[in-house]
Amino acid sequence: MVAERKVRIIHIIETVIQHIVVLFFLLILWELFKNYSFKSLGTWHIILCTLGFALCMAEALILFSKDSVLLTGVDRVTKGKYHAVVMFIAFLCITIGISLKIYQKADEGRHHFTTTHGRLGLSAWILVIISIFAGMAAAKPNVFLNFARPVWFKLFHLIVGAAAYIIGIVTVGYGLHYLQQYTGENGRIALLVFLIIYVVYSLIGSVLTCYNLVLNK
């Protein structure tokens, strides 16, 4: 009964969090629909980077969480494959989104990565790449046994991936400043609250996994 109650509570919490994630993304899209042109590269930069950092990366972390109800009954290896696919989609969205912004700025004769928002976004993108390679090493430990123990690859992948996600989310938070002229201060704060709630939840699984890896290494 205790186990069933725990599963039920986790299911309810995760359902609420999933709705918050969707609501956050839909609110961003709504503001873009109202105030931006979809012919603009800058608009697609916002959509793709928000999709990559705030949606896909969050889902990838939750999917691989031990207590996640999204893939109930699925073994760890299969969860890892789903995690990898969603992370790759996130990477593609972020890469295309950043590329579009670079192209737009070059076309307008503006310099790249001169703002905190831009530099953080670039840093997060680089960490995502490192995390992907670390994840590949963690998934194929036998190939890299001569370099380090498998647990170290897993730990490195988790830490770098979480850092990429956190920095990416901070970048999105800075990006909300550009929407404030349309959402108002209260609207921006509401979006930030949604962002913080589901970011904290999505990181719980990674933090617990890191703790267990360090404890049992």
N, C-alpha and C. Protein backbone atom coordinates (compact mmCIF):
# COMPACT_ATOMS: atom_id res chain seq x y z
N MET A 1 0.82 -1.21 0.00
CA MET A 1 0.00 0.00 0.00
C MET A 1 0.85 1.27 0.00
N VAL A 2 1.93 1.21 0.79
CA VAL A 2 2.82 2.37 0.85
C VAL A 2 3.45 2.64 -0.51
N ALA A 3 3.88 1.56 -1.18
CA ALA A 3 4.49 1.70 -2.51
C ALA A 3 3.49 2.24 -3.51
N GLU A 4 2.24 1.75 -3.43
CA GLU A 4 1.20 2.23 -4.35
C GLU A 4 0.90 3.71 -4.11
N ARG A 5 0.86 4.09 -2.84
CA ARG A 5 0.61 5.50 -2.51
C ARG A 5 1.74 6.39 -3.02
N LYS A 6 2.98 5.90 -2.89
CA LYS A 6 4.13 6.66 -3.37
C LYS A 6 4.04 6.86 -4.88
N VAL A 7 3.72 5.78 -5.60
CA VAL A 7 3.59 5.86 -7.06
C VAL A 7 2.49 6.83 -7.45
N ARG A 8 1.37 6.78 -6.72
CA ARG A 8 0.25 7.67 -7.00
C ARG A 8 0.63 9.14 -6.79
N ILE A 9 1.33 9.40 -5.70
CA ILE A 9 1.76 10.78 -5.40
C ILE A 9 2.72 11.29 -6.47
N ILE A 10 3.70 10.43 -6.83
CA ILE A 10 4.66 10.81 -7.87
C ILE A 10 3.95 11.07 -9.19
N HIS A 11 2.97 10.22 -9.50
CA HIS A 11 2.21 10.38 -10.74
C HIS A 11 1.49 11.73 -10.76
N ILE A 12 0.86 12.09 -9.63
CA ILE A 12 0.14 13.36 -9.54
C ILE A 12 1.10 14.54 -9.70
N ILE A 13 2.23 14.48 -8.97
CA ILE A 13 3.21 15.56 -9.04
C ILE A 13 3.75 15.71 -10.46
N GLU A 14 4.10 14.57 -11.06
CA GLU A 14 4.67 14.63 -12.41
C GLU A 14 3.66 15.13 -13.42
N THR A 15 2.39 14.77 -13.26
CA THR A 15 1.34 15.26 -14.15
C THR A 15 1.23 16.78 -14.05
N VAL A 16 1.26 17.29 -12.81
CA VAL A 16 1.21 18.75 -12.60
C VAL A 16 2.41 19.43 -13.25
N ILE A 17 3.60 18.84 -13.05
CA ILE A 17 4.82 19.42 -13.61
C ILE A 17 4.75 19.43 -15.13
N GLN A 18 4.26 18.33 -15.72
CA GLN A 18 4.16 18.26 -17.18
C GLN A 18 3.22 19.35 -17.70
N HIS A 19 2.15 19.60 -16.98
CA HIS A 19 1.23 20.67 -17.38
C HIS A 19 1.90 22.04 -17.27
N ILE A 20 2.73 22.22 -16.25
CA ILE A 20 3.45 23.48 -16.09
C ILE A 20 4.42 23.69 -17.25
N VAL A 21 5.12 22.62 -17.64
CA VAL A 21 6.06 22.70 -18.77
C VAL A 21 5.32 23.12 -20.03
N VAL A 22 4.21 22.44 -20.31
CA VAL A 22 3.43 22.75 -21.51
C VAL A 22 2.87 24.17 -21.44
N LEU A 23 2.37 24.55 -20.27
CA LEU A 23 1.81 25.89 -20.10
C LEU A 23 2.87 26.96 -20.34
N PHE A 24 4.07 26.74 -19.80
CA PHE A 24 5.17 27.70 -20.00
C PHE A 24 5.45 27.88 -21.49
N PHE A 25 5.58 26.76 -22.21
CA PHE A 25 5.92 26.84 -23.63
C PHE A 25 4.78 27.49 -24.43
N LEU A 26 3.53 27.16 -24.08
CA LEU A 26 2.39 27.74 -24.78
C LEU A 26 2.29 29.24 -24.54
N LEU A 27 2.61 29.68 -23.32
CA LEU A 27 2.58 31.12 -23.02
C LEU A 27 3.64 31.87 -23.83
N ILE A 28 4.82 31.25 -23.96
CA ILE A 28 5.87 31.85 -24.79
C ILE A 28 5.39 31.96 -26.24
N LEU A 29 4.81 30.87 -26.75
CA LEU A 29 4.30 30.88 -28.13
C LEU A 29 3.21 31.92 -28.30
N TRP A 30 2.35 32.06 -27.30
CA TRP A 30 1.26 33.04 -27.37
C TRP A 30 1.80 34.46 -27.51
N GLU A 31 2.80 34.79 -26.71
CA GLU A 31 3.40 36.12 -26.79
C GLU A 31 4.07 36.33 -28.15
N LEU A 32 4.69 35.28 -28.67
CA LEU A 32 5.32 35.39 -29.99
C LEU A 32 4.28 35.58 -31.08
N PHE A 33 3.18 34.84 -30.99
CA PHE A 33 2.11 34.97 -31.98
C PHE A 33 1.55 36.39 -31.98
N LYS A 34 1.40 36.97 -30.79
CA LYS A 34 0.80 38.30 -30.68
C LYS A 34 1.73 39.42 -31.15
N ASN A 35 3.02 39.27 -30.87
CA ASN A 35 3.91 40.43 -30.98
C ASN A 35 5.07 40.27 -31.96
N TYR A 36 5.31 39.08 -32.47
CA TYR A 36 6.46 38.86 -33.35
C TYR A 36 6.01 38.32 -34.71
N SER A 37 6.88 38.53 -35.69
CA SER A 37 6.62 37.98 -37.02
C SER A 37 7.31 36.62 -37.16
N PHE A 38 6.59 35.65 -37.67
CA PHE A 38 7.18 34.32 -37.85
C PHE A 38 8.05 34.24 -39.09
N LYS A 39 8.18 35.37 -39.78
CA LYS A 39 9.14 35.46 -40.88
C LYS A 39 10.52 35.87 -40.37
N SER A 40 10.56 36.27 -39.10
CA SER A 40 11.82 36.73 -38.50
C SER A 40 12.64 35.55 -37.99
N LEU A 41 13.95 35.58 -38.27
CA LEU A 41 14.84 34.54 -37.76
C LEU A 41 14.92 34.60 -36.24
N GLY A 42 14.81 35.81 -35.69
CA GLY A 42 14.86 35.97 -34.25
C GLY A 42 13.71 35.24 -33.55
N THR A 43 12.54 35.24 -34.18
CA THR A 43 11.39 34.53 -33.61
C THR A 43 11.66 33.03 -33.53
N TRP A 44 12.21 32.49 -34.59
CA TRP A 44 12.51 31.05 -34.62
C TRP A 44 13.66 30.71 -33.68
N HIS A 45 14.56 31.66 -33.47
CA HIS A 45 15.62 31.47 -32.46
C HIS A 45 14.99 31.26 -31.08
N ILE A 46 14.02 32.10 -30.75
CA ILE A 46 13.34 31.99 -29.45
C ILE A 46 12.61 30.66 -29.34
N ILE A 47 11.85 30.31 -30.37
CA ILE A 47 11.06 29.07 -30.34
C ILE A 47 11.96 27.85 -30.19
N LEU A 48 12.98 27.75 -31.03
CA LEU A 48 13.83 26.55 -31.04
C LEU A 48 14.67 26.42 -29.78
N CYS A 49 15.22 27.53 -29.30
CA CYS A 49 16.05 27.46 -28.09
C CYS A 49 15.20 27.20 -26.85
N THR A 50 14.00 27.77 -26.80
CA THR A 50 13.10 27.47 -25.69
C THR A 50 12.66 26.01 -25.74
N LEU A 51 12.37 25.54 -26.95
CA LEU A 51 12.00 24.13 -27.13
C LEU A 51 13.13 23.21 -26.70
N GLY A 52 14.37 23.57 -27.08
CA GLY A 52 15.52 22.74 -26.75
C GLY A 52 15.86 22.74 -25.28
N PHE A 53 16.05 23.93 -24.71
CA PHE A 53 16.47 24.04 -23.31
C PHE A 53 15.33 23.77 -22.32
N ALA A 54 14.21 24.47 -22.52
CA ALA A 54 13.16 24.46 -21.51
C ALA A 54 12.19 23.29 -21.61
N LEU A 55 12.11 22.67 -22.78
CA LEU A 55 11.16 21.56 -22.93
C LEU A 55 11.87 20.22 -23.09
N CYS A 56 12.66 20.09 -24.16
CA CYS A 56 13.27 18.78 -24.46
C CYS A 56 14.28 18.34 -23.41
N MET A 57 15.13 19.25 -22.94
CA MET A 57 16.13 18.87 -21.94
C MET A 57 15.46 18.50 -20.62
N ALA A 58 14.40 19.23 -20.27
CA ALA A 58 13.65 18.90 -19.05
C ALA A 58 13.04 17.51 -19.17
N GLU A 59 12.43 17.23 -20.32
CA GLU A 59 11.82 15.92 -20.53
C GLU A 59 12.86 14.81 -20.54
N ALA A 60 14.02 15.09 -21.11
CA ALA A 60 15.08 14.08 -21.16
C ALA A 60 15.54 13.70 -19.75
N LEU A 61 15.65 14.69 -18.88
CA LEU A 61 16.05 14.43 -17.49
C LEU A 61 14.97 13.66 -16.74
N ILE A 62 13.72 14.05 -16.93
CA ILE A 62 12.62 13.37 -16.24
C ILE A 62 12.46 11.94 -16.73
N LEU A 63 12.64 11.71 -18.03
CA LEU A 63 12.51 10.37 -18.61
C LEU A 63 13.46 9.38 -17.95
N PHE A 64 14.67 9.84 -17.65
CA PHE A 64 15.70 8.94 -17.13
C PHE A 64 15.65 8.82 -15.61
N SER A 65 14.75 9.59 -14.99
CA SER A 65 14.62 9.51 -13.53
C SER A 65 14.07 8.15 -13.12
N LYS A 66 14.58 7.62 -12.03
CA LYS A 66 14.19 6.30 -11.55
C LYS A 66 12.70 6.21 -11.24
N ASP A 67 12.14 7.28 -10.66
CA ASP A 67 10.74 7.27 -10.23
C ASP A 67 9.79 7.86 -11.26
N SER A 68 10.29 8.17 -12.45
CA SER A 68 9.43 8.77 -13.47
C SER A 68 8.32 7.80 -13.88
N VAL A 69 7.12 8.34 -14.03
CA VAL A 69 5.99 7.51 -14.45
C VAL A 69 5.76 7.58 -15.96
N LEU A 70 6.57 8.37 -16.64
CA LEU A 70 6.41 8.48 -18.09
C LEU A 70 6.72 7.17 -18.79
N LEU A 71 7.70 6.44 -18.27
CA LEU A 71 8.09 5.16 -18.87
C LEU A 71 8.03 4.05 -17.81
N THR A 72 6.89 3.95 -17.16
CA THR A 72 6.72 2.95 -16.11
C THR A 72 6.89 1.54 -16.66
N GLY A 73 7.70 0.74 -15.98
CA GLY A 73 7.90 -0.64 -16.40
C GLY A 73 8.95 -0.83 -17.46
N VAL A 74 9.53 0.26 -17.93
CA VAL A 74 10.56 0.19 -18.97
C VAL A 74 11.92 0.01 -18.31
N ASP A 75 12.75 -0.88 -18.86
CA ASP A 75 14.06 -1.13 -18.26
C ASP A 75 14.99 0.06 -18.45
N ARG A 76 16.07 0.06 -17.68
CA ARG A 76 17.02 1.19 -17.64
C ARG A 76 17.67 1.45 -19.01
N VAL A 77 18.00 0.38 -19.72
CA VAL A 77 18.66 0.54 -21.03
C VAL A 77 17.74 1.24 -22.02
N THR A 78 16.47 0.81 -22.05
CA THR A 78 15.50 1.43 -22.96
C THR A 78 15.25 2.88 -22.58
N LYS A 79 15.18 3.14 -21.27
CA LYS A 79 15.03 4.53 -20.81
C LYS A 79 16.20 5.38 -21.30
N GLY A 80 17.39 4.79 -21.25
CA GLY A 80 18.58 5.50 -21.72
C GLY A 80 18.48 5.86 -23.20
N LYS A 81 17.89 4.96 -23.98
CA LYS A 81 17.74 5.22 -25.42
C LYS A 81 16.75 6.36 -25.66
N TYR A 82 15.63 6.34 -24.94
CA TYR A 82 14.67 7.44 -25.06
C TYR A 82 15.30 8.77 -24.64
N HIS A 83 16.05 8.71 -23.54
CA HIS A 83 16.76 9.88 -23.03
C HIS A 83 17.69 10.45 -24.10
N ALA A 84 18.44 9.55 -24.75
CA ALA A 84 19.40 9.97 -25.78
C ALA A 84 18.70 10.61 -26.97
N VAL A 85 17.58 10.03 -27.39
CA VAL A 85 16.84 10.55 -28.54
C VAL A 85 16.31 11.96 -28.25
N VAL A 86 15.70 12.13 -27.07
CA VAL A 86 15.14 13.43 -26.71
C VAL A 86 16.25 14.47 -26.55
N MET A 87 17.39 14.05 -25.99
CA MET A 87 18.52 14.97 -25.84
C MET A 87 19.07 15.38 -27.20
N PHE A 88 19.10 14.45 -28.14
CA PHE A 88 19.59 14.78 -29.48
C PHE A 88 18.66 15.77 -30.16
N ILE A 89 17.35 15.60 -29.96
CA ILE A 89 16.38 16.56 -30.50
C ILE A 89 16.61 17.94 -29.88
N ALA A 90 16.87 17.95 -28.56
CA ALA A 90 17.16 19.22 -27.88
C ALA A 90 18.40 19.87 -28.48
N PHE A 91 19.44 19.07 -28.70
CA PHE A 91 20.69 19.59 -29.27
C PHE A 91 20.45 20.18 -30.66
N LEU A 92 19.67 19.49 -31.49
CA LEU A 92 19.37 19.99 -32.83
C LEU A 92 18.62 21.32 -32.76
N CYS A 93 17.61 21.39 -31.90
CA CYS A 93 16.83 22.63 -31.76
C CYS A 93 17.72 23.79 -31.33
N ILE A 94 18.56 23.54 -30.33
CA ILE A 94 19.44 24.60 -29.81
C ILE A 94 20.45 25.03 -30.87
N THR A 95 21.04 24.05 -31.56
CA THR A 95 22.04 24.35 -32.59
C THR A 95 21.44 25.19 -33.72
N ILE A 96 20.27 24.78 -34.20
CA ILE A 96 19.62 25.53 -35.27
C ILE A 96 19.20 26.91 -34.78
N GLY A 97 18.68 26.97 -33.55
CA GLY A 97 18.25 28.25 -32.98
C GLY A 97 19.39 29.24 -32.85
N ILE A 98 20.54 28.78 -32.35
CA ILE A 98 21.72 29.65 -32.22
C ILE A 98 22.24 30.05 -33.60
N SER A 99 22.25 29.11 -34.53
CA SER A 99 22.73 29.39 -35.89
C SER A 99 21.89 30.47 -36.56
N LEU A 100 20.58 30.40 -36.37
CA LEU A 100 19.69 31.41 -36.95
C LEU A 100 19.97 32.80 -36.39
N LYS A 101 20.25 32.85 -35.09
CA LYS A 101 20.55 34.15 -34.46
C LYS A 101 21.88 34.70 -34.97
N ILE A 102 22.87 33.83 -35.12
CA ILE A 102 24.17 34.25 -35.66
C ILE A 102 23.99 34.81 -37.07
N TYR A 103 23.21 34.09 -37.89
CA TYR A 103 22.98 34.53 -39.27
C TYR A 103 22.25 35.87 -39.29
N GLN A 104 21.25 36.03 -38.41
CA GLN A 104 20.50 37.28 -38.35
C GLN A 104 21.40 38.45 -37.97
N LYS A 105 22.24 38.24 -36.96
CA LYS A 105 23.13 39.32 -36.52
C LYS A 105 24.17 39.65 -37.58
N ALA A 106 24.69 38.63 -38.25
CA ALA A 106 25.66 38.86 -39.32
C ALA A 106 25.02 39.66 -40.45
N ASP A 107 23.77 39.33 -40.76
CA ASP A 107 23.05 40.02 -41.83
C ASP A 107 22.79 41.48 -41.46
N GLU A 108 22.64 41.74 -40.16
CA GLU A 108 22.38 43.11 -39.70
C GLU A 108 23.66 43.85 -39.32
N GLY A 109 24.82 43.20 -39.48
CA GLY A 109 26.10 43.82 -39.16
C GLY A 109 26.36 43.98 -37.68
N ARG A 110 25.75 43.11 -36.87
CA ARG A 110 25.93 43.18 -35.41
C ARG A 110 26.90 42.11 -34.95
N HIS A 111 27.53 42.35 -33.80
CA HIS A 111 28.50 41.40 -33.25
C HIS A 111 27.78 40.27 -32.52
N HIS A 112 28.46 39.11 -32.47
CA HIS A 112 27.87 37.93 -31.83
C HIS A 112 28.33 37.81 -30.37
N PHE A 113 27.46 37.23 -29.54
CA PHE A 113 27.79 36.85 -28.16
C PHE A 113 28.39 38.01 -27.35
N THR A 114 27.76 39.15 -27.45
CA THR A 114 28.22 40.33 -26.71
C THR A 114 27.40 40.56 -25.44
N THR A 115 26.29 39.83 -25.29
CA THR A 115 25.43 39.99 -24.12
C THR A 115 25.58 38.79 -23.18
N THR A 116 25.15 38.96 -21.95
CA THR A 116 25.16 37.85 -20.99
C THR A 116 24.29 36.70 -21.49
N HIS A 117 23.15 37.04 -22.06
CA HIS A 117 22.24 36.04 -22.62
C HIS A 117 22.93 35.21 -23.70
N GLY A 118 23.62 35.88 -24.61
CA GLY A 118 24.31 35.19 -25.70
C GLY A 118 25.46 34.33 -25.23
N ARG A 119 26.25 34.85 -24.30
CA ARG A 119 27.41 34.10 -23.80
C ARG A 119 26.99 32.88 -23.00
N LEU A 120 25.95 33.04 -22.20
CA LEU A 120 25.45 31.90 -21.44
C LEU A 120 24.89 30.83 -22.37
N GLY A 121 24.17 31.27 -23.40
CA GLY A 121 23.62 30.32 -24.36
C GLY A 121 24.70 29.53 -25.07
N LEU A 122 25.77 30.21 -25.47
CA LEU A 122 26.89 29.53 -26.12
C LEU A 122 27.56 28.55 -25.16
N SER A 123 27.74 28.96 -23.91
CA SER A 123 28.36 28.09 -22.91
C SER A 123 27.52 26.83 -22.69
N ALA A 124 26.21 27.02 -22.61
CA ALA A 124 25.31 25.87 -22.41
C ALA A 124 25.38 24.92 -23.60
N TRP A 125 25.43 25.48 -24.81
CA TRP A 125 25.51 24.66 -26.02
C TRP A 125 26.79 23.83 -26.04
N ILE A 126 27.91 24.43 -25.66
CA ILE A 126 29.19 23.70 -25.61
C ILE A 126 29.12 22.57 -24.58
N LEU A 127 28.52 22.86 -23.42
CA LEU A 127 28.38 21.83 -22.39
C LEU A 127 27.46 20.70 -22.84
N VAL A 128 26.44 21.03 -23.62
CA VAL A 128 25.56 19.98 -24.16
C VAL A 128 26.36 19.03 -25.04
N ILE A 129 27.23 19.58 -25.88
CA ILE A 129 28.07 18.74 -26.75
C ILE A 129 28.95 17.82 -25.91
N ILE A 130 29.61 18.40 -24.90
CA ILE A 130 30.47 17.60 -24.02
C ILE A 130 29.66 16.51 -23.32
N SER A 131 28.46 16.89 -22.88
CA SER A 131 27.59 15.94 -22.19
C SER A 131 27.18 14.78 -23.09
N ILE A 132 26.93 15.08 -24.36
CA ILE A 132 26.56 14.03 -25.31
C ILE A 132 27.68 13.02 -25.47
N PHE A 133 28.90 13.51 -25.64
CA PHE A 133 30.04 12.58 -25.77
C PHE A 133 30.27 11.79 -24.48
N ALA A 134 30.09 12.45 -23.34
CA ALA A 134 30.23 11.75 -22.06
C ALA A 134 29.14 10.70 -21.90
N GLY A 135 27.95 11.01 -22.39
CA GLY A 135 26.85 10.05 -22.34
C GLY A 135 27.12 8.84 -23.21
N MET A 136 27.72 9.07 -24.37
CA MET A 136 28.10 7.96 -25.25
C MET A 136 29.13 7.06 -24.58
N ALA A 137 30.07 7.69 -23.88
CA ALA A 137 31.10 6.91 -23.15
C ALA A 137 30.47 6.13 -22.01
N ALA A 138 29.49 6.74 -21.33
CA ALA A 138 28.82 6.06 -20.22
C ALA A 138 27.97 4.90 -20.71
N ALA A 139 27.42 5.04 -21.92
CA ALA A 139 26.57 3.98 -22.49
C ALA A 139 27.40 2.81 -23.01
N LYS A 140 28.66 3.06 -23.36
CA LYS A 140 29.55 2.00 -23.88
C LYS A 140 30.80 1.92 -23.01
N PRO A 141 30.65 1.55 -21.75
CA PRO A 141 31.79 1.58 -20.82
C PRO A 141 32.93 0.65 -21.20
N ASN A 142 32.61 -0.47 -21.85
CA ASN A 142 33.66 -1.45 -22.20
C ASN A 142 34.67 -0.87 -23.18
N VAL A 143 34.23 0.06 -24.00
CA VAL A 143 35.11 0.66 -25.01
C VAL A 143 36.13 1.58 -24.35
N PHE A 144 35.76 2.16 -23.21
CA PHE A 144 36.60 3.18 -22.58
C PHE A 144 37.18 2.74 -21.24
N LEU A 145 37.23 1.43 -21.02
CA LEU A 145 37.73 0.92 -19.74
C LEU A 145 39.17 1.33 -19.46
N ASN A 146 39.96 1.51 -20.51
CA ASN A 146 41.37 1.87 -20.33
C ASN A 146 41.55 3.32 -19.86
N PHE A 147 40.51 4.12 -20.00
CA PHE A 147 40.61 5.54 -19.64
C PHE A 147 40.12 5.81 -18.22
N ALA A 148 39.02 5.22 -17.85
CA ALA A 148 38.46 5.45 -16.50
C ALA A 148 37.38 4.42 -16.20
N ARG A 149 37.04 4.32 -14.94
CA ARG A 149 35.96 3.42 -14.55
C ARG A 149 34.63 3.94 -15.07
N PRO A 150 33.69 3.05 -15.43
CA PRO A 150 32.38 3.47 -15.96
C PRO A 150 31.65 4.47 -15.07
N VAL A 151 31.78 4.31 -13.75
CA VAL A 151 31.07 5.19 -12.83
C VAL A 151 31.49 6.65 -13.00
N TRP A 152 32.77 6.87 -13.35
CA TRP A 152 33.26 8.23 -13.53
C TRP A 152 32.67 8.87 -14.79
N PHE A 153 32.50 8.07 -15.84
CA PHE A 153 31.86 8.59 -17.06
C PHE A 153 30.41 8.97 -16.77
N LYS A 154 29.71 8.12 -16.01
CA LYS A 154 28.32 8.41 -15.67
C LYS A 154 28.21 9.68 -14.84
N LEU A 155 29.09 9.78 -13.86
CA LEU A 155 29.08 10.95 -12.98
C LEU A 155 29.40 12.23 -13.76
N PHE A 156 30.40 12.16 -14.63
CA PHE A 156 30.79 13.31 -15.45
C PHE A 156 29.64 13.71 -16.37
N HIS A 157 29.01 12.72 -16.98
CA HIS A 157 27.87 12.98 -17.87
C HIS A 157 26.74 13.67 -17.12
N LEU A 158 26.44 13.18 -15.94
CA LEU A 158 25.36 13.76 -15.14
C LEU A 158 25.66 15.21 -14.73
N ILE A 159 26.88 15.43 -14.26
CA ILE A 159 27.25 16.77 -13.79
C ILE A 159 27.28 17.78 -14.93
N VAL A 160 27.93 17.41 -16.03
CA VAL A 160 28.02 18.32 -17.18
C VAL A 160 26.64 18.55 -17.79
N GLY A 161 25.86 17.47 -17.90
CA GLY A 161 24.51 17.60 -18.45
C GLY A 161 23.63 18.51 -17.61
N ALA A 162 23.71 18.34 -16.28
CA ALA A 162 22.93 19.19 -15.38
C ALA A 162 23.39 20.64 -15.46
N ALA A 163 24.71 20.84 -15.57
CA ALA A 163 25.25 22.20 -15.70
C ALA A 163 24.77 22.85 -17.00
N ALA A 164 24.77 22.07 -18.09
CA ALA A 164 24.29 22.59 -19.38
C ALA A 164 22.82 22.99 -19.28
N TYR A 165 22.04 22.15 -18.63
CA TYR A 165 20.61 22.41 -18.47
C TYR A 165 20.37 23.67 -17.63
N ILE A 166 21.06 23.77 -16.49
CA ILE A 166 20.89 24.92 -15.60
C ILE A 166 21.29 26.22 -16.29
N ILE A 167 22.46 26.20 -16.95
CA ILE A 167 22.91 27.41 -17.66
C ILE A 167 21.96 27.74 -18.80
N GLY A 168 21.47 26.71 -19.49
CA GLY A 168 20.50 26.93 -20.56
C GLY A 168 19.23 27.57 -20.05
N ILE A 169 18.76 27.10 -18.89
CA ILE A 169 17.55 27.67 -18.30
C ILE A 169 17.77 29.11 -17.84
N VAL A 170 18.95 29.38 -17.28
CA VAL A 170 19.29 30.76 -16.91
C VAL A 170 19.28 31.65 -18.15
N THR A 171 19.78 31.10 -19.26
CA THR A 171 19.77 31.83 -20.54
C THR A 171 18.34 32.15 -20.96
N VAL A 172 17.45 31.15 -20.84
CA VAL A 172 16.04 31.38 -21.15
C VAL A 172 15.46 32.45 -20.23
N GLY A 173 15.86 32.40 -18.95
CA GLY A 173 15.40 33.41 -17.99
C GLY A 173 15.81 34.81 -18.41
N TYR A 174 17.06 34.95 -18.86
CA TYR A 174 17.52 36.24 -19.38
C TYR A 174 16.72 36.63 -20.62
N GLY A 175 16.40 35.63 -21.44
CA GLY A 175 15.63 35.90 -22.65
C GLY A 175 14.24 36.43 -22.37
N LEU A 176 13.67 36.03 -21.22
CA LEU A 176 12.34 36.52 -20.86
C LEU A 176 12.32 38.03 -20.68
N HIS A 177 13.49 38.60 -20.40
CA HIS A 177 13.60 40.06 -20.25
C HIS A 177 13.17 40.76 -21.53
N TYR A 178 13.48 40.13 -22.68
CA TYR A 178 13.13 40.74 -23.96
C TYR A 178 11.62 40.71 -24.21
N LEU A 179 10.91 39.79 -23.53
CA LEU A 179 9.46 39.70 -23.70
C LEU A 179 8.71 40.58 -22.71
N GLN A 180 9.44 41.14 -21.75
CA GLN A 180 8.79 41.88 -20.67
C GLN A 180 7.99 43.07 -21.17
N GLN A 181 8.43 43.68 -22.26
CA GLN A 181 7.70 44.83 -22.79
C GLN A 181 6.30 44.43 -23.25
N TYR A 182 6.09 43.14 -23.51
CA TYR A 182 4.78 42.65 -23.93
C TYR A 182 4.02 41.96 -22.79
N THR A 183 4.74 41.21 -21.96
CA THR A 183 4.08 40.48 -20.87
C THR A 183 3.86 41.33 -19.63
N GLY A 184 4.68 42.39 -19.49
CA GLY A 184 4.66 43.17 -18.26
C GLY A 184 5.49 42.48 -17.18
N GLU A 185 5.74 43.20 -16.09
CA GLU A 185 6.57 42.65 -15.02
C GLU A 185 5.92 41.43 -14.37
N ASN A 186 4.61 41.49 -14.13
CA ASN A 186 3.92 40.37 -13.50
C ASN A 186 3.93 39.13 -14.39
N GLY A 187 3.78 39.34 -15.68
CA GLY A 187 3.82 38.22 -16.62
C GLY A 187 5.19 37.56 -16.64
N ARG A 188 6.23 38.37 -16.61
CA ARG A 188 7.60 37.83 -16.61
C ARG A 188 7.86 37.04 -15.33
N ILE A 189 7.40 37.56 -14.19
CA ILE A 189 7.59 36.87 -12.92
C ILE A 189 6.84 35.53 -12.92
N ALA A 190 5.63 35.53 -13.47
CA ALA A 190 4.85 34.29 -13.54
C ALA A 190 5.58 33.24 -14.37
N LEU A 191 6.13 33.65 -15.50
CA LEU A 191 6.88 32.73 -16.35
C LEU A 191 8.12 32.21 -15.63
N LEU A 192 8.79 33.08 -14.89
CA LEU A 192 9.97 32.66 -14.13
C LEU A 192 9.61 31.65 -13.04
N VAL A 193 8.47 31.87 -12.39
CA VAL A 193 8.01 30.93 -11.35
C VAL A 193 7.74 29.56 -11.96
N PHE A 194 7.03 29.52 -13.09
CA PHE A 194 6.80 28.26 -13.79
C PHE A 194 8.12 27.58 -14.13
N LEU A 195 9.05 28.38 -14.62
CA LEU A 195 10.35 27.87 -15.04
C LEU A 195 11.09 27.24 -13.85
N ILE A 196 11.13 27.94 -12.74
CA ILE A 196 11.86 27.47 -11.55
C ILE A 196 11.24 26.19 -11.00
N ILE A 197 9.91 26.12 -10.96
CA ILE A 197 9.23 24.94 -10.39
C ILE A 197 9.60 23.68 -11.15
N TYR A 198 9.46 23.70 -12.48
CA TYR A 198 9.71 22.45 -13.19
C TYR A 198 11.19 22.16 -13.38
N VAL A 199 12.03 23.20 -13.30
CA VAL A 199 13.48 22.96 -13.36
C VAL A 199 13.94 22.22 -12.10
N VAL A 200 13.46 22.68 -10.94
CA VAL A 200 13.82 22.03 -9.68
C VAL A 200 13.37 20.58 -9.69
N TYR A 201 12.14 20.34 -10.13
CA TYR A 201 11.63 18.97 -10.16
C TYR A 201 12.42 18.09 -11.12
N SER A 202 12.71 18.61 -12.30
CA SER A 202 13.40 17.80 -13.30
C SER A 202 14.83 17.47 -12.91
N LEU A 203 15.41 18.25 -11.99
CA LEU A 203 16.78 18.00 -11.55
C LEU A 203 16.88 17.05 -10.36
N ILE A 204 15.76 16.77 -9.72
CA ILE A 204 15.79 15.91 -8.53
C ILE A 204 16.39 14.54 -8.84
N GLY A 205 15.94 13.93 -9.94
CA GLY A 205 16.45 12.61 -10.31
C GLY A 205 17.94 12.61 -10.55
N SER A 206 18.45 13.64 -11.23
CA SER A 206 19.89 13.73 -11.51
C SER A 206 20.70 13.90 -10.24
N VAL A 207 20.20 14.73 -9.32
CA VAL A 207 20.90 14.95 -8.05
C VAL A 207 20.97 13.67 -7.24
N LEU A 208 19.86 12.94 -7.17
CA LEU A 208 19.84 11.68 -6.42
C LEU A 208 20.75 10.63 -7.06
N THR A 209 20.77 10.60 -8.39
CA THR A 209 21.64 9.65 -9.09
C THR A 209 23.11 9.97 -8.82
N CYS A 210 23.46 11.25 -8.88
CA CYS A 210 24.84 11.67 -8.58
C CYS A 210 25.22 11.27 -7.15
N TYR A 211 24.32 11.49 -6.23
CA TYR A 211 24.57 11.15 -4.82
C TYR A 211 24.82 9.65 -4.67
N ASN A 212 23.99 8.84 -5.31
CA ASN A 212 24.15 7.39 -5.22
C ASN A 212 25.44 6.91 -5.87
N LEU A 213 25.80 7.54 -6.99
CA LEU A 213 27.05 7.16 -7.67
C LEU A 213 28.26 7.46 -6.79
N VAL A 214 28.26 8.63 -6.16
CA VAL A 214 29.37 9.01 -5.28
C VAL A 214 29.41 8.11 -4.05
N LEU A 215 28.22 7.79 -3.54
CA LEU A 215 28.12 6.97 -2.33
C LEU A 215 28.62 5.54 -2.57
N ASN A 216 28.37 5.03 -3.79
CA ASN A 216 28.67 3.62 -4.07
C ASN A 216 29.91 3.40 -4.91
N LYS A 217 30.61 4.48 -5.26
CA LYS A 217 31.75 4.32 -6.14
C LYS A 217 32.92 3.61 -5.44
